[in-house]
Amino acid sequence: MADAIKLMKKELGDKTPLIGFAGSPFTLASYLIEGGGSKEYEHIKTMLYSRPDLLQELLDLLGDQVLDYLKMQVAAGVDAVQLFDTWGGILHPADYEKHVLPVVRRIMDGLKDSGVPRIYFLKGSAPYNHLVSTLDVECFGVDWTQDLTRAITELPGRCVQGNLDPLVLYGTHEQVRSRALEICRKGEKAPGHVFNLGHGILPHAPIPAVETLVRTVQEFRRGH
């Protein structure tokens, strides 16, 4: 992995930042326990409610590994690191605060002196904004289920990343362009804004729509 990062940095040069990446401990634990994706989250929640001590032990172990993994990426030359929490938002906020937030905080605090910006993305984060805002990070990823203006208000003083619905790319080029411009304009109110989809791009997203999106965002940036 470190060798791959060094090769990518060599190709990208100094003009294009490279963001390091890791899944959060809770998201990794969810895939481990469920064995894949899930609609009901039956197994991970059964462990949460029946063996919270065991779940916490697993989260702490994964937290150590994720922190080491991101430190390795920083040492290899990434320009920022992102902790990606796709499944953290399936919990009651009290359970998130008790089991997920502490290990996320430990990872981010462990990267504080790394010299690179830290990004935390929690899918479905709107009910948790008051909790994640307590994290010591430079940037928050925002999914498409909350208005970017709300996120900027409830995550004060931080950069934001996001937050176009990935399925907008299946709409018309006019829709792609108008939605992207709306997000760009709202992002100007934040201390910093990294335009992004509100979650991962889908495998069959139409390439012409992606090209329209990239061109729209680049033209907006050049105009400012």
C-alpha atoms as a PDB file:
ATOM      1  CA  MET A   1       0.000   0.000   0.000  1.00  0.00           C
ATOM      2  CA  ALA A   2       2.768   2.439   0.893  1.00  0.00           C
ATOM      3  CA  ASP A   3       4.523   1.705  -2.399  1.00  0.00           C
ATOM      4  CA  ALA A   4       1.275   2.320  -4.301  1.00  0.00           C
ATOM      5  CA  ILE A   5       0.830   5.686  -2.589  1.00  0.00           C
ATOM      6  CA  LYS A   6       4.386   6.717  -3.454  1.00  0.00           C
ATOM      7  CA  LEU A   7       3.848   5.773  -7.098  1.00  0.00           C
ATOM      8  CA  MET A   8       0.577   7.720  -7.240  1.00  0.00           C
ATOM      9  CA  LYS A   9       2.154  10.787  -5.656  1.00  0.00           C
ATOM     10  CA  LYS A  10       4.948  10.641  -8.208  1.00  0.00           C
ATOM     11  CA  GLU A  11       2.419  10.601 -11.047  1.00  0.00           C
ATOM     12  CA  LEU A  12       0.174  13.290  -9.541  1.00  0.00           C
ATOM     13  CA  GLY A  13       2.956  15.684  -8.674  1.00  0.00           C
ATOM     14  CA  ASP A  14       2.234  18.670  -6.455  1.00  0.00           C
ATOM     15  CA  LYS A  15      -0.876  19.920  -8.265  1.00  0.00           C
ATOM     16  CA  THR A  16      -3.364  17.185  -7.343  1.00  0.00           C
ATOM     17  CA  PRO A  17      -3.777  16.268  -3.651  1.00  0.00           C
ATOM     18  CA  LEU A  18      -4.067  12.599  -2.736  1.00  0.00           C
ATOM     19  CA  ILE A  19      -6.527  11.741   0.043  1.00  0.00           C
ATOM     20  CA  GLY A  20      -5.773   8.709   2.198  1.00  0.00           C
ATOM     21  CA  PHE A  21      -8.694   6.568   3.239  1.00  0.00           C
ATOM     22  CA  ALA A  22      -9.845   4.034   5.817  1.00  0.00           C
ATOM     23  CA  GLY A  23     -13.153   2.583   6.910  1.00  0.00           C
ATOM     24  CA  SER A  24     -14.176   3.469  10.453  1.00  0.00           C
ATOM     25  CA  PRO A  25     -14.032   0.793  13.176  1.00  0.00           C
ATOM     26  CA  PHE A  26     -17.824   0.535  13.421  1.00  0.00           C
ATOM     27  CA  THR A  27     -18.294   0.236   9.675  1.00  0.00           C
ATOM     28  CA  LEU A  28     -15.561  -2.399   9.475  1.00  0.00           C
ATOM     29  CA  ALA A  29     -17.086  -4.259  12.431  1.00  0.00           C
ATOM     30  CA  SER A  30     -20.478  -4.187  10.736  1.00  0.00           C
ATOM     31  CA  TYR A  31     -19.143  -5.852   7.609  1.00  0.00           C
ATOM     32  CA  LEU A  32     -17.230  -8.383   9.674  1.00  0.00           C
ATOM     33  CA  ILE A  33     -20.263  -9.334  11.762  1.00  0.00           C
ATOM     34  CA  GLU A  34     -22.931  -9.119   9.071  1.00  0.00           C
ATOM     35  CA  GLY A  35     -20.732 -10.762   6.454  1.00  0.00           C
ATOM     36  CA  GLY A  36     -21.641  -8.105   3.879  1.00  0.00           C
ATOM     37  CA  GLY A  37     -24.264  -5.442   3.320  1.00  0.00           C
ATOM     38  CA  SER A  38     -27.483  -5.513   5.330  1.00  0.00           C
ATOM     39  CA  LYS A  39     -30.943  -3.970   5.445  1.00  0.00           C
ATOM     40  CA  GLU A  40     -31.851  -4.819   9.035  1.00  0.00           C
ATOM     41  CA  TYR A  41     -28.376  -4.787  10.662  1.00  0.00           C
ATOM     42  CA  GLU A  42     -29.578  -7.730  12.718  1.00  0.00           C
ATOM     43  CA  HIS A  43     -26.243  -9.229  13.769  1.00  0.00           C
ATOM     44  CA  ILE A  44     -24.327  -6.050  14.604  1.00  0.00           C
ATOM     45  CA  LYS A  45     -27.262  -4.688  16.625  1.00  0.00           C
ATOM     46  CA  THR A  46     -27.763  -8.018  18.378  1.00  0.00           C
ATOM     47  CA  MET A  47     -24.152  -7.809  19.530  1.00  0.00           C
ATOM     48  CA  LEU A  48     -24.638  -4.182  20.552  1.00  0.00           C
ATOM     49  CA  TYR A  49     -27.626  -5.002  22.759  1.00  0.00           C
ATOM     50  CA  SER A  50     -26.572  -8.431  24.056  1.00  0.00           C
ATOM     51  CA  ARG A  51     -22.755  -8.159  24.256  1.00  0.00           C
ATOM     52  CA  PRO A  52     -21.800  -4.489  24.237  1.00  0.00           C
ATOM     53  CA  ASP A  53     -18.550  -5.381  26.002  1.00  0.00           C
ATOM     54  CA  LEU A  54     -17.536  -7.698  23.157  1.00  0.00           C
ATOM     55  CA  LEU A  55     -18.477  -5.125  20.519  1.00  0.00           C
ATOM     56  CA  GLN A  56     -16.455  -2.482  22.324  1.00  0.00           C
ATOM     57  CA  GLU A  57     -13.452  -4.792  22.467  1.00  0.00           C
ATOM     58  CA  LEU A  58     -13.689  -5.308  18.715  1.00  0.00           C
ATOM     59  CA  LEU A  59     -14.079  -1.576  18.043  1.00  0.00           C
ATOM     60  CA  ASP A  60     -11.041  -0.763  20.165  1.00  0.00           C
ATOM     61  CA  LEU A  61      -8.951  -3.382  18.357  1.00  0.00           C
ATOM     62  CA  LEU A  62     -10.037  -2.092  14.956  1.00  0.00           C
ATOM     63  CA  GLY A  63      -9.394   1.466  16.107  1.00  0.00           C
ATOM     64  CA  ASP A  64      -5.744   0.649  16.821  1.00  0.00           C
ATOM     65  CA  GLN A  65      -5.373  -0.960  13.399  1.00  0.00           C
ATOM     66  CA  VAL A  66      -7.081   1.887  11.547  1.00  0.00           C
ATOM     67  CA  LEU A  67      -4.900   4.477  13.272  1.00  0.00           C
ATOM     68  CA  ASP A  68      -1.737   2.584  12.321  1.00  0.00           C
ATOM     69  CA  TYR A  69      -3.033   2.175   8.774  1.00  0.00           C
ATOM     70  CA  LEU A  70      -3.677   5.903   8.339  1.00  0.00           C
ATOM     71  CA  LYS A  71      -0.327   6.799   9.900  1.00  0.00           C
ATOM     72  CA  MET A  72       1.323   4.553   7.315  1.00  0.00           C
ATOM     73  CA  GLN A  73      -0.495   6.401   4.536  1.00  0.00           C
ATOM     74  CA  VAL A  74       0.623   9.759   5.893  1.00  0.00           C
ATOM     75  CA  ALA A  75       4.227   8.546   6.064  1.00  0.00           C
ATOM     76  CA  ALA A  76       3.916   7.391   2.452  1.00  0.00           C
ATOM     77  CA  GLY A  77       2.910  10.889   1.337  1.00  0.00           C
ATOM     78  CA  VAL A  78      -0.898  11.381   1.282  1.00  0.00           C
ATOM     79  CA  ASP A  79      -2.019  15.003   1.565  1.00  0.00           C
ATOM     80  CA  ALA A  80      -5.071  14.366   3.758  1.00  0.00           C
ATOM     81  CA  VAL A  81      -6.779  11.429   5.463  1.00  0.00           C
ATOM     82  CA  GLN A  82     -10.451  10.518   5.563  1.00  0.00           C
ATOM     83  CA  LEU A  83     -12.246   8.179   7.959  1.00  0.00           C
ATOM     84  CA  PHE A  84     -15.311   6.802   6.198  1.00  0.00           C
ATOM     85  CA  ASP A  85     -18.259   5.733   8.380  1.00  0.00           C
ATOM     86  CA  THR A  86     -20.984   4.340   6.146  1.00  0.00           C
ATOM     87  CA  TRP A  87     -22.758   2.403   8.898  1.00  0.00           C
ATOM     88  CA  GLY A  88     -22.312   4.617  11.945  1.00  0.00           C
ATOM     89  CA  GLY A  89     -25.600   6.357  11.222  1.00  0.00           C
ATOM     90  CA  ILE A  90     -27.711   3.230  11.834  1.00  0.00           C
ATOM     91  CA  LEU A  91     -27.513   3.696  15.607  1.00  0.00           C
ATOM     92  CA  HIS A  92     -29.502   5.658  18.140  1.00  0.00           C
ATOM     93  CA  PRO A  93     -27.481   8.806  18.874  1.00  0.00           C
ATOM     94  CA  ALA A  94     -26.889   7.674  22.461  1.00  0.00           C
ATOM     95  CA  ASP A  95     -25.387   4.388  21.246  1.00  0.00           C
ATOM     96  CA  TYR A  96     -23.321   6.241  18.656  1.00  0.00           C
ATOM     97  CA  GLU A  97     -22.033   8.569  21.356  1.00  0.00           C
ATOM     98  CA  LYS A  98     -21.134   5.696  23.683  1.00  0.00           C
ATOM     99  CA  HIS A  99     -19.612   3.166  21.292  1.00  0.00           C
ATOM    100  CA  VAL A 100     -18.597   4.873  18.041  1.00  0.00           C
ATOM    101  CA  LEU A 101     -17.619   8.447  18.838  1.00  0.00           C
ATOM    102  CA  PRO A 102     -14.866   7.631  21.394  1.00  0.00           C
ATOM    103  CA  VAL A 103     -12.912   5.377  19.031  1.00  0.00           C
ATOM    104  CA  VAL A 104     -13.315   7.873  16.177  1.00  0.00           C
ATOM    105  CA  ARG A 105     -12.030  10.597  18.494  1.00  0.00           C
ATOM    106  CA  ARG A 106      -9.037   8.463  19.469  1.00  0.00           C
ATOM    107  CA  ILE A 107      -8.129   7.923  15.805  1.00  0.00           C
ATOM    108  CA  MET A 108      -8.447  11.584  14.903  1.00  0.00           C
ATOM    109  CA  ASP A 109      -6.542  12.725  17.987  1.00  0.00           C
ATOM    110  CA  GLY A 110      -3.822  10.226  17.114  1.00  0.00           C
ATOM    111  CA  LEU A 111      -3.434  11.943  13.738  1.00  0.00           C
ATOM    112  CA  LYS A 112      -3.463  15.491  15.102  1.00  0.00           C
ATOM    113  CA  ASP A 113       0.283  15.981  14.757  1.00  0.00           C
ATOM    114  CA  SER A 114       0.526  14.228  11.393  1.00  0.00           C
ATOM    115  CA  GLY A 115       0.648  17.498   9.474  1.00  0.00           C
ATOM    116  CA  VAL A 116      -2.265  16.649   7.147  1.00  0.00           C
ATOM    117  CA  PRO A 117      -5.963  17.604   7.298  1.00  0.00           C
ATOM    118  CA  ARG A 118      -8.335  15.044   8.822  1.00  0.00           C
ATOM    119  CA  ILE A 119     -11.789  14.376   7.339  1.00  0.00           C
ATOM    120  CA  TYR A 120     -14.585  12.436   9.010  1.00  0.00           C
ATOM    121  CA  PHE A 121     -17.532  11.234   6.962  1.00  0.00           C
ATOM    122  CA  LEU A 122     -20.610   9.807   8.678  1.00  0.00           C
ATOM    123  CA  LYS A 123     -23.411   8.742   6.378  1.00  0.00           C
ATOM    124  CA  GLY A 124     -26.763   9.969   7.672  1.00  0.00           C
ATOM    125  CA  SER A 125     -25.000  12.413   9.968  1.00  0.00           C
ATOM    126  CA  ALA A 126     -27.758  15.027  10.391  1.00  0.00           C
ATOM    127  CA  PRO A 127     -29.044  13.646  13.749  1.00  0.00           C
ATOM    128  CA  TYR A 128     -25.450  13.424  14.984  1.00  0.00           C
ATOM    129  CA  ASN A 129     -24.125  16.859  14.020  1.00  0.00           C
ATOM    130  CA  HIS A 130     -24.103  17.988  17.650  1.00  0.00           C
ATOM    131  CA  LEU A 131     -21.922  14.978  18.495  1.00  0.00           C
ATOM    132  CA  VAL A 132     -19.486  14.919  15.587  1.00  0.00           C
ATOM    133  CA  SER A 133     -18.954  18.676  15.916  1.00  0.00           C
ATOM    134  CA  THR A 134     -17.005  17.901  19.094  1.00  0.00           C
ATOM    135  CA  LEU A 135     -14.329  16.037  17.102  1.00  0.00           C
ATOM    136  CA  ASP A 136     -10.973  17.692  16.531  1.00  0.00           C
ATOM    137  CA  VAL A 137     -10.879  17.505  12.738  1.00  0.00           C
ATOM    138  CA  GLU A 138     -10.396  19.981   9.914  1.00  0.00           C
ATOM    139  CA  CYS A 139     -13.236  18.804   7.685  1.00  0.00           C
ATOM    140  CA  PHE A 140     -16.523  16.899   7.779  1.00  0.00           C
ATOM    141  CA  GLY A 141     -17.930  14.902   4.891  1.00  0.00           C
ATOM    142  CA  VAL A 142     -21.658  15.487   4.412  1.00  0.00           C
ATOM    143  CA  ASP A 143     -24.045  13.097   2.681  1.00  0.00           C
ATOM    144  CA  TRP A 144     -26.940  14.189   0.480  1.00  0.00           C
ATOM    145  CA  THR A 145     -29.679  13.750   3.123  1.00  0.00           C
ATOM    146  CA  GLN A 146     -29.092  17.137   4.722  1.00  0.00           C
ATOM    147  CA  ASP A 147     -28.852  20.578   3.222  1.00  0.00           C
ATOM    148  CA  LEU A 148     -25.267  21.785   3.053  1.00  0.00           C
ATOM    149  CA  THR A 149     -26.269  25.097   4.638  1.00  0.00           C
ATOM    150  CA  ARG A 150     -27.529  23.234   7.700  1.00  0.00           C
ATOM    151  CA  ALA A 151     -24.295  21.266   7.962  1.00  0.00           C
ATOM    152  CA  ILE A 152     -22.201  24.437   7.736  1.00  0.00           C
ATOM    153  CA  THR A 153     -24.264  26.026  10.512  1.00  0.00           C
ATOM    154  CA  GLU A 154     -24.172  22.999  12.805  1.00  0.00           C
ATOM    155  CA  LEU A 155     -20.492  22.207  12.189  1.00  0.00           C
ATOM    156  CA  PRO A 156     -19.126  25.721  12.721  1.00  0.00           C
ATOM    157  CA  GLY A 157     -15.596  26.686  11.820  1.00  0.00           C
ATOM    158  CA  ARG A 158     -14.918  23.514   9.793  1.00  0.00           C
ATOM    159  CA  CYS A 159     -14.506  22.782   6.146  1.00  0.00           C
ATOM    160  CA  VAL A 160     -17.175  20.597   4.588  1.00  0.00           C
ATOM    161  CA  GLN A 161     -16.985  17.986   1.843  1.00  0.00           C
ATOM    162  CA  GLY A 162     -19.935  16.992  -0.329  1.00  0.00           C
ATOM    163  CA  ASN A 163     -22.738  16.589  -0.973  1.00  0.00           C
ATOM    164  CA  LEU A 164     -24.373  15.746  -4.342  1.00  0.00           C
ATOM    165  CA  ASP A 165     -26.688  12.731  -4.415  1.00  0.00           C
ATOM    166  CA  PRO A 166     -24.863  10.133  -6.568  1.00  0.00           C
ATOM    167  CA  LEU A 167     -28.101   9.346  -8.403  1.00  0.00           C
ATOM    168  CA  VAL A 168     -28.283  12.892  -9.755  1.00  0.00           C
ATOM    169  CA  LEU A 169     -25.761  11.594 -12.296  1.00  0.00           C
ATOM    170  CA  TYR A 170     -28.590   9.561 -13.825  1.00  0.00           C
ATOM    171  CA  GLY A 171     -30.577  12.726 -14.492  1.00  0.00           C
ATOM    172  CA  THR A 172     -30.311  15.189 -17.345  1.00  0.00           C
ATOM    173  CA  HIS A 173     -27.179  17.238 -17.909  1.00  0.00           C
ATOM    174  CA  GLU A 174     -29.193  20.315 -16.918  1.00  0.00           C
ATOM    175  CA  GLN A 175     -30.070  18.667 -13.602  1.00  0.00           C
ATOM    176  CA  VAL A 176     -26.468  17.673 -12.965  1.00  0.00           C
ATOM    177  CA  ARG A 177     -25.283  21.173 -13.695  1.00  0.00           C
ATOM    178  CA  SER A 178     -27.933  23.014 -11.646  1.00  0.00           C
ATOM    179  CA  ARG A 179     -27.603  20.740  -8.610  1.00  0.00           C
ATOM    180  CA  ALA A 180     -23.822  20.988  -8.666  1.00  0.00           C
ATOM    181  CA  LEU A 181     -23.884  24.784  -8.914  1.00  0.00           C
ATOM    182  CA  GLU A 182     -26.335  24.997  -6.012  1.00  0.00           C
ATOM    183  CA  ILE A 183     -23.947  23.021  -3.808  1.00  0.00           C
ATOM    184  CA  CYS A 184     -20.945  25.070  -4.929  1.00  0.00           C
ATOM    185  CA  ARG A 185     -22.726  28.302  -4.016  1.00  0.00           C
ATOM    186  CA  LYS A 186     -23.758  27.010  -0.601  1.00  0.00           C
ATOM    187  CA  GLY A 187     -20.246  25.727   0.029  1.00  0.00           C
ATOM    188  CA  GLU A 188     -18.899  29.268  -0.261  1.00  0.00           C
ATOM    189  CA  LYS A 189     -20.361  29.973   3.192  1.00  0.00           C
ATOM    190  CA  ALA A 190     -18.050  27.429   4.825  1.00  0.00           C
ATOM    191  CA  PRO A 191     -14.423  28.118   5.803  1.00  0.00           C
ATOM    192  CA  GLY A 192     -13.567  25.664   3.029  1.00  0.00           C
ATOM    193  CA  HIS A 193     -15.511  23.390   0.694  1.00  0.00           C
ATOM    194  CA  VAL A 194     -14.389  20.259  -1.117  1.00  0.00           C
ATOM    195  CA  PHE A 195     -16.994  19.391  -3.728  1.00  0.00           C
ATOM    196  CA  ASN A 196     -17.864  15.705  -3.670  1.00  0.00           C
ATOM    197  CA  LEU A 197     -20.698  13.266  -4.023  1.00  0.00           C
ATOM    198  CA  GLY A 198     -22.663  12.629  -0.843  1.00  0.00           C
ATOM    199  CA  HIS A 199     -21.456   9.013  -0.928  1.00  0.00           C
ATOM    200  CA  GLY A 200     -19.535   6.795  -3.345  1.00  0.00           C
ATOM    201  CA  ILE A 201     -20.097   6.945  -7.079  1.00  0.00           C
ATOM    202  CA  LEU A 202     -22.145   4.061  -8.468  1.00  0.00           C
ATOM    203  CA  PRO A 203     -20.375   1.632 -10.838  1.00  0.00           C
ATOM    204  CA  HIS A 204     -22.643   2.339 -13.798  1.00  0.00           C
ATOM    205  CA  ALA A 205     -22.832   6.115 -13.476  1.00  0.00           C
ATOM    206  CA  PRO A 206     -22.966   7.603 -17.003  1.00  0.00           C
ATOM    207  CA  ILE A 207     -19.541   8.896 -17.985  1.00  0.00           C
ATOM    208  CA  PRO A 208     -20.950  11.929 -19.906  1.00  0.00           C
ATOM    209  CA  ALA A 209     -22.786  12.996 -16.740  1.00  0.00           C
ATOM    210  CA  VAL A 210     -19.583  12.677 -14.726  1.00  0.00           C
ATOM    211  CA  GLU A 211     -17.802  14.802 -17.307  1.00  0.00           C
ATOM    212  CA  THR A 212     -20.542  17.437 -17.050  1.00  0.00           C
ATOM    213  CA  LEU A 213     -20.204  17.428 -13.265  1.00  0.00           C
ATOM    214  CA  VAL A 214     -16.429  17.829 -13.283  1.00  0.00           C
ATOM    215  CA  ARG A 215     -16.571  20.554 -15.915  1.00  0.00           C
ATOM    216  CA  THR A 216     -19.274  22.452 -13.990  1.00  0.00           C
ATOM    217  CA  VAL A 217     -17.349  22.425 -10.716  1.00  0.00           C
ATOM    218  CA  GLN A 218     -14.068  23.390 -12.372  1.00  0.00           C
ATOM    219  CA  GLU A 219     -15.695  26.279 -14.226  1.00  0.00           C
ATOM    220  CA  PHE A 220     -17.290  27.495 -11.001  1.00  0.00           C
ATOM    221  CA  ARG A 221     -13.932  27.439  -9.213  1.00  0.00           C
ATOM    222  CA  ARG A 222     -12.171  29.253 -12.050  1.00  0.00           C
ATOM    223  CA  GLY A 223     -14.876  31.919 -11.920  1.00  0.00           C
ATOM    224  CA  HIS A 224     -14.032  32.578  -8.281  1.00  0.00           C
END
